[in-house]
C-alpha atoms as a PDB file:
ATOM      1  CA  MET A   1      -6.951 101.130-134.967  1.00  0.00           C
ATOM      2  CA  ASP A   2      -6.171 101.499-131.278  1.00  0.00           C
ATOM      3  CA  GLU A   3      -9.031 102.191-129.111  1.00  0.00           C
ATOM      4  CA  LEU A   4      -8.908 105.874-127.576  1.00  0.00           C
ATOM      5  CA  GLN A   5      -7.801 105.416-123.990  1.00  0.00           C
ATOM      6  CA  LEU A   6      -9.571 107.717-121.323  1.00  0.00           C
ATOM      7  CA  PRO A   7      -7.533 108.936-118.557  1.00  0.00           C
ATOM      8  CA  THR A   8      -7.954 106.944-115.302  1.00  0.00           C
ATOM      9  CA  THR A   9      -9.822 108.361-112.119  1.00  0.00           C
ATOM     10  CA  VAL A  10      -6.578 108.955-110.554  1.00  0.00           C
ATOM     11  CA  GLU A  11      -5.308 111.104-113.509  1.00  0.00           C
ATOM     12  CA  THR A  12      -8.761 113.017-113.602  1.00  0.00           C
ATOM     13  CA  PHE A  13      -8.688 113.558-109.760  1.00  0.00           C
ATOM     14  CA  ALA A  14      -5.199 115.024-110.167  1.00  0.00           C
ATOM     15  CA  ALA A  15      -6.632 117.375-112.871  1.00  0.00           C
ATOM     16  CA  ILE A  16      -9.401 118.415-110.603  1.00  0.00           C
ATOM     17  CA  ALA A  17      -7.033 119.045-107.767  1.00  0.00           C
ATOM     18  CA  GLU A  18      -4.889 121.216-110.090  1.00  0.00           C
ATOM     19  CA  ALA A  19      -7.798 123.134-111.387  1.00  0.00           C
ATOM     20  CA  PHE A  20      -8.953 123.755-107.911  1.00  0.00           C
ATOM     21  CA  LYS A  21      -5.633 125.110-106.887  1.00  0.00           C
ATOM     22  CA  THR A  22      -5.888 127.458-109.880  1.00  0.00           C
ATOM     23  CA  LEU A  23      -9.504 128.575-108.882  1.00  0.00           C
ATOM     24  CA  SER A  24      -8.097 129.149-105.374  1.00  0.00           C
ATOM     25  CA  GLU A  25      -5.102 131.206-106.383  1.00  0.00           C
ATOM     26  CA  ASN A  26      -7.260 133.331-108.769  1.00  0.00           C
ATOM     27  CA  HIS A  27     -10.130 133.819-106.314  1.00  0.00           C
ATOM     28  CA  SER A  28      -7.759 135.125-103.801  1.00  0.00           C
ATOM     29  CA  ALA A  29      -6.218 137.516-106.292  1.00  0.00           C
ATOM     30  CA  TYR A  30      -9.595 138.743-107.170  1.00  0.00           C
ATOM     31  CA  ALA A  31     -11.185 138.929-103.765  1.00  0.00           C
ATOM     32  CA  LEU A  32      -8.293 140.486-101.987  1.00  0.00           C
ATOM     33  CA  LYS A  33      -6.891 142.651-104.756  1.00  0.00           C
ATOM     34  CA  GLY A  34      -9.703 143.265-107.056  1.00  0.00           C
ATOM     35  CA  ASN A  35      -7.884 141.846-110.011  1.00  0.00           C
ATOM     36  CA  LYS A  36     -10.802 141.460-112.691  1.00  0.00           C
ATOM     37  CA  SER A  37      -8.764 139.227-114.882  1.00  0.00           C
ATOM     38  CA  ALA A  38      -8.215 136.646-112.044  1.00  0.00           C
ATOM     39  CA  ALA A  39     -12.007 136.709-111.773  1.00  0.00           C
ATOM     40  CA  SER A  40     -12.268 135.543-115.258  1.00  0.00           C
ATOM     41  CA  ARG A  41      -9.721 132.761-114.765  1.00  0.00           C
ATOM     42  CA  SER A  42     -11.426 131.655-111.691  1.00  0.00           C
ATOM     43  CA  ARG A  43     -14.750 131.337-113.666  1.00  0.00           C
ATOM     44  CA  LYS A  44     -12.993 129.239-116.346  1.00  0.00           C
ATOM     45  CA  ALA A  45     -11.356 127.021-113.658  1.00  0.00           C
ATOM     46  CA  CYS A  46     -14.807 126.282-112.289  1.00  0.00           C
ATOM     47  CA  SER A  47     -15.963 125.520-115.690  1.00  0.00           C
ATOM     48  CA  GLU A  48     -13.046 123.084-115.942  1.00  0.00           C
ATOM     49  CA  ILE A  49     -13.876 121.448-112.741  1.00  0.00           C
ATOM     50  CA  LYS A  50     -17.353 120.969-113.575  1.00  0.00           C
ATOM     51  CA  LYS A  51     -16.252 119.185-116.907  1.00  0.00           C
ATOM     52  CA  LEU A  52     -13.730 117.007-115.057  1.00  0.00           C
ATOM     53  CA  ALA A  53     -16.183 116.118-112.231  1.00  0.00           C
ATOM     54  CA  SER A  54     -18.611 114.685-114.887  1.00  0.00           C
ATOM     55  CA  LEU A  55     -15.811 112.828-116.488  1.00  0.00           C
ATOM     56  CA  TYR A  56     -14.662 111.456-113.033  1.00  0.00           C
ATOM     57  CA  ARG A  57     -18.255 110.230-112.325  1.00  0.00           C
ATOM     58  CA  LYS A  58     -18.418 108.386-115.720  1.00  0.00           C
ATOM     59  CA  GLN A  59     -15.065 106.815-115.217  1.00  0.00           C
ATOM     60  CA  SER A  60     -15.818 105.681-111.570  1.00  0.00           C
ATOM     61  CA  ILE A  61     -18.938 104.053-112.704  1.00  0.00           C
ATOM     62  CA  ALA A  62     -17.166 102.238-115.555  1.00  0.00           C
ATOM     63  CA  GLU A  63     -14.476 101.109-113.287  1.00  0.00           C
ATOM     64  CA  ILE A  64     -16.941  99.728-110.789  1.00  0.00           C
ATOM     65  CA  LYS A  65     -18.837  97.812-113.510  1.00  0.00           C
ATOM     66  CA  SER A  66     -15.710  96.410-114.931  1.00  0.00           C
ATOM     67  CA  VAL A  67     -14.624  94.867-111.535  1.00  0.00           C
END
C-alpha cells in the first residue's frame, strides 16, 4: 500500500489564507449588515483555521527534523 501523503506546509498555508479570506468576508457581512448566517460561516472558518494551524505546526516540525 502507498503511504498516505500529507499536504506540504505551502499547501496548508494556502488553505489557511483561503479560510482567512472566507472569515474576513463573512465577518464583514455580519458586522456591517447584521447577516446572522454570515456569523455562523465566520465561526466555521475560525474552526477551520484552528485545525489547519495545528496541522501546519506539525508539518513544519516534521520538515525541520527531516532536513
